[in-house]
Amino acid sequence: MAAGGADREFAAGDKVAHPKWGEGVVVSVKGTGNDMELQIAFPAPTGIKRLLAVLPPLRRFEAARNMNGKISDG
């Protein structure tokens, strides 16, 4: 896992973790650098949040391939 921020690249489908709202999935990404805005879907009752990538302490889960070639979180 890596720290979030404007120097990081995010893409739709990335799994992230936020200390308050838990695990979520990036729905969309707009802008770049300090203006990068993420829409992230968190579990109910939180729902979708719009966050600047530079501000929240987001962690992105890195996908790892298992021995069968499938992608797993871990």
N, C-alpha and C. Protein backbone atom coordinates (compact mmCIF):
# COMPACT_ATOMS: atom_id res chain seq x y z
N MET A 1 0.83 -1.18 0.00
CA MET A 1 0.00 0.00 0.00
C MET A 1 0.87 1.24 0.00
N ALA A 2 0.37 2.26 -0.63
CA ALA A 2 1.15 3.48 -0.73
C ALA A 2 0.32 4.66 -0.29
N ALA A 3 0.98 5.72 0.12
CA ALA A 3 0.28 6.91 0.57
C ALA A 3 -0.34 7.63 -0.61
N GLY A 4 -1.43 8.36 -0.35
CA GLY A 4 -2.10 9.12 -1.40
C GLY A 4 -1.45 10.47 -1.56
N GLY A 5 -1.93 11.23 -2.54
CA GLY A 5 -1.43 12.57 -2.75
C GLY A 5 -1.39 12.92 -4.21
N ALA A 6 -1.09 14.18 -4.48
CA ALA A 6 -1.12 14.66 -5.86
C ALA A 6 -0.03 14.04 -6.71
N ASP A 7 1.02 13.51 -6.10
CA ASP A 7 2.09 12.89 -6.86
C ASP A 7 1.73 11.46 -7.27
N ARG A 8 0.60 10.97 -6.80
CA ARG A 8 0.15 9.61 -7.10
C ARG A 8 -0.79 9.61 -8.28
N GLU A 9 -0.81 8.53 -8.98
CA GLU A 9 -1.74 8.34 -10.07
C GLU A 9 -2.88 7.47 -9.57
N PHE A 10 -4.09 7.89 -9.82
CA PHE A 10 -5.27 7.11 -9.48
C PHE A 10 -6.04 6.87 -10.76
N ALA A 11 -6.75 5.75 -10.81
CA ALA A 11 -7.57 5.42 -11.97
C ALA A 11 -8.88 4.82 -11.49
N ALA A 12 -9.92 4.95 -12.31
CA ALA A 12 -11.20 4.32 -11.99
C ALA A 12 -10.96 2.83 -11.77
N GLY A 13 -11.55 2.31 -10.71
CA GLY A 13 -11.40 0.90 -10.38
C GLY A 13 -10.38 0.63 -9.30
N ASP A 14 -9.52 1.62 -8.98
CA ASP A 14 -8.54 1.44 -7.91
C ASP A 14 -9.25 1.27 -6.58
N LYS A 15 -8.78 0.36 -5.78
CA LYS A 15 -9.31 0.18 -4.43
C LYS A 15 -8.47 1.03 -3.49
N VAL A 16 -9.15 1.79 -2.63
CA VAL A 16 -8.47 2.68 -1.70
C VAL A 16 -9.03 2.50 -0.30
N ALA A 17 -8.29 2.99 0.69
CA ALA A 17 -8.75 2.97 2.07
C ALA A 17 -8.63 4.37 2.64
N HIS A 18 -9.66 4.79 3.37
CA HIS A 18 -9.70 6.09 4.04
C HIS A 18 -9.89 5.80 5.53
N PRO A 19 -9.18 6.53 6.41
CA PRO A 19 -9.25 6.23 7.84
C PRO A 19 -10.63 6.40 8.46
N LYS A 20 -11.47 7.25 7.90
CA LYS A 20 -12.81 7.46 8.47
C LYS A 20 -13.87 6.61 7.78
N TRP A 21 -13.82 6.52 6.44
CA TRP A 21 -14.88 5.86 5.68
C TRP A 21 -14.55 4.44 5.26
N GLY A 22 -13.35 3.97 5.53
CA GLY A 22 -12.99 2.58 5.22
C GLY A 22 -12.57 2.38 3.78
N GLU A 23 -12.82 1.17 3.28
CA GLU A 23 -12.40 0.80 1.93
C GLU A 23 -13.42 1.27 0.91
N GLY A 24 -12.91 1.72 -0.23
CA GLY A 24 -13.78 2.17 -1.30
C GLY A 24 -13.15 1.92 -2.65
N VAL A 25 -13.89 2.24 -3.70
CA VAL A 25 -13.42 2.06 -5.07
C VAL A 25 -13.52 3.39 -5.80
N VAL A 26 -12.45 3.77 -6.49
CA VAL A 26 -12.44 5.01 -7.27
C VAL A 26 -13.40 4.82 -8.45
N VAL A 27 -14.37 5.74 -8.54
CA VAL A 27 -15.36 5.70 -9.61
C VAL A 27 -14.91 6.55 -10.79
N SER A 28 -14.34 7.73 -10.49
CA SER A 28 -13.85 8.59 -11.57
C SER A 28 -12.73 9.49 -11.06
N VAL A 29 -11.93 9.96 -12.00
CA VAL A 29 -10.80 10.85 -11.71
C VAL A 29 -10.89 12.04 -12.66
N LYS A 30 -10.79 13.25 -12.08
CA LYS A 30 -10.78 14.47 -12.90
C LYS A 30 -9.56 15.28 -12.52
N GLY A 31 -8.93 15.91 -13.50
CA GLY A 31 -7.81 16.81 -13.24
C GLY A 31 -6.51 16.07 -13.00
N THR A 32 -5.48 16.87 -12.70
CA THR A 32 -4.15 16.33 -12.43
C THR A 32 -3.50 17.12 -11.31
N GLY A 33 -2.41 16.60 -10.79
CA GLY A 33 -1.64 17.29 -9.75
C GLY A 33 -2.49 17.69 -8.56
N ASN A 34 -2.31 18.94 -8.08
CA ASN A 34 -3.04 19.42 -6.91
C ASN A 34 -4.54 19.56 -7.15
N ASP A 35 -4.97 19.54 -8.41
CA ASP A 35 -6.38 19.68 -8.75
C ASP A 35 -7.07 18.35 -9.03
N MET A 36 -6.37 17.23 -8.79
CA MET A 36 -6.95 15.93 -9.06
C MET A 36 -8.10 15.66 -8.08
N GLU A 37 -9.30 15.43 -8.63
CA GLU A 37 -10.47 15.14 -7.82
C GLU A 37 -10.89 13.70 -8.07
N LEU A 38 -11.14 12.99 -6.99
CA LEU A 38 -11.55 11.59 -7.07
C LEU A 38 -12.99 11.45 -6.60
N GLN A 39 -13.76 10.65 -7.29
CA GLN A 39 -15.06 10.22 -6.79
C GLN A 39 -14.87 8.79 -6.34
N ILE A 40 -15.15 8.55 -5.07
CA ILE A 40 -14.91 7.23 -4.48
C ILE A 40 -16.20 6.70 -3.89
N ALA A 41 -16.53 5.46 -4.23
CA ALA A 41 -17.71 4.79 -3.70
C ALA A 41 -17.32 4.01 -2.46
N PHE A 42 -17.87 4.43 -1.31
CA PHE A 42 -17.66 3.74 -0.05
C PHE A 42 -18.93 2.96 0.28
N PRO A 43 -18.82 1.95 1.16
CA PRO A 43 -20.01 1.18 1.53
C PRO A 43 -21.06 2.06 2.21
N ALA A 44 -22.33 1.63 2.13
CA ALA A 44 -23.42 2.33 2.81
C ALA A 44 -23.14 2.35 4.31
N PRO A 45 -23.46 3.37 5.00
CA PRO A 45 -24.28 4.50 4.57
C PRO A 45 -23.46 5.66 4.00
N THR A 46 -22.16 5.52 3.86
CA THR A 46 -21.31 6.63 3.40
C THR A 46 -21.59 7.01 1.96
N GLY A 47 -21.60 6.05 1.06
CA GLY A 47 -21.88 6.32 -0.35
C GLY A 47 -20.71 6.95 -1.08
N ILE A 48 -21.01 7.72 -2.12
CA ILE A 48 -19.97 8.32 -2.96
C ILE A 48 -19.51 9.64 -2.37
N LYS A 49 -18.19 9.81 -2.31
CA LYS A 49 -17.57 11.04 -1.81
C LYS A 49 -16.67 11.61 -2.90
N ARG A 50 -16.65 12.93 -3.01
CA ARG A 50 -15.72 13.62 -3.91
C ARG A 50 -14.60 14.20 -3.06
N LEU A 51 -13.37 13.79 -3.35
CA LEU A 51 -12.21 14.19 -2.56
C LEU A 51 -11.09 14.66 -3.46
N LEU A 52 -10.34 15.65 -2.99
CA LEU A 52 -9.11 16.03 -3.68
C LEU A 52 -8.04 15.02 -3.30
N ALA A 53 -7.34 14.50 -4.29
CA ALA A 53 -6.33 13.46 -4.03
C ALA A 53 -5.22 13.97 -3.12
N VAL A 54 -4.94 15.27 -3.15
CA VAL A 54 -3.85 15.83 -2.37
C VAL A 54 -4.21 15.92 -0.87
N LEU A 55 -5.50 15.95 -0.52
CA LEU A 55 -5.89 16.19 0.87
C LEU A 55 -6.11 14.94 1.72
N PRO A 56 -6.92 13.99 1.30
CA PRO A 56 -7.21 12.89 2.22
C PRO A 56 -6.03 11.93 2.37
N PRO A 57 -5.95 11.33 3.51
CA PRO A 57 -4.90 10.32 3.71
C PRO A 57 -5.30 8.98 3.10
N LEU A 58 -5.45 8.95 1.79
CA LEU A 58 -5.86 7.73 1.10
C LEU A 58 -4.69 6.77 0.94
N ARG A 59 -5.00 5.50 1.00
CA ARG A 59 -4.03 4.46 0.67
C ARG A 59 -4.63 3.66 -0.47
N ARG A 60 -3.82 3.38 -1.47
CA ARG A 60 -4.29 2.56 -2.59
C ARG A 60 -3.79 1.15 -2.38
N PHE A 61 -4.69 0.19 -2.58
CA PHE A 61 -4.31 -1.21 -2.49
C PHE A 61 -3.64 -1.61 -3.79
N GLU A 62 -2.45 -2.14 -3.70
CA GLU A 62 -1.75 -2.60 -4.89
C GLU A 62 -2.22 -4.01 -5.20
N ALA A 63 -2.57 -4.24 -6.44
CA ALA A 63 -3.01 -5.57 -6.85
C ALA A 63 -1.80 -6.46 -7.04
N ALA A 64 -1.92 -7.67 -6.58
CA ALA A 64 -0.83 -8.64 -6.73
C ALA A 64 -1.36 -9.87 -7.45
N ARG A 65 -0.59 -10.39 -8.34
CA ARG A 65 -1.01 -11.59 -9.08
C ARG A 65 -0.63 -12.83 -8.28
N ASN A 66 -1.60 -13.74 -8.18
CA ASN A 66 -1.30 -15.00 -7.50
C ASN A 66 -0.71 -15.99 -8.50
N MET A 67 -0.45 -17.20 -8.08
CA MET A 67 0.22 -18.16 -8.94
C MET A 67 -0.63 -18.56 -10.15
N ASN A 68 -1.95 -18.35 -10.09
CA ASN A 68 -2.81 -18.68 -11.22
C ASN A 68 -2.94 -17.52 -12.19
N GLY A 69 -2.25 -16.41 -11.93
CA GLY A 69 -2.32 -15.27 -12.82
C GLY A 69 -3.47 -14.33 -12.54
N LYS A 70 -4.30 -14.67 -11.54
CA LYS A 70 -5.44 -13.83 -11.21
C LYS A 70 -4.99 -12.71 -10.28
N ILE A 71 -5.67 -11.58 -10.37
CA ILE A 71 -5.32 -10.44 -9.52
C ILE A 71 -6.07 -10.58 -8.20
N SER A 72 -5.34 -10.38 -7.11
CA SER A 72 -5.96 -10.41 -5.79
C SER A 72 -5.45 -9.24 -4.99
N ASP A 73 -6.24 -8.78 -4.02
CA ASP A 73 -5.81 -7.72 -3.13
C ASP A 73 -5.05 -8.34 -1.98
N GLY A 74 -3.91 -7.80 -1.71
CA GLY A 74 -3.22 -8.41 -0.60
C GLY A 74 -1.84 -8.06 -0.47
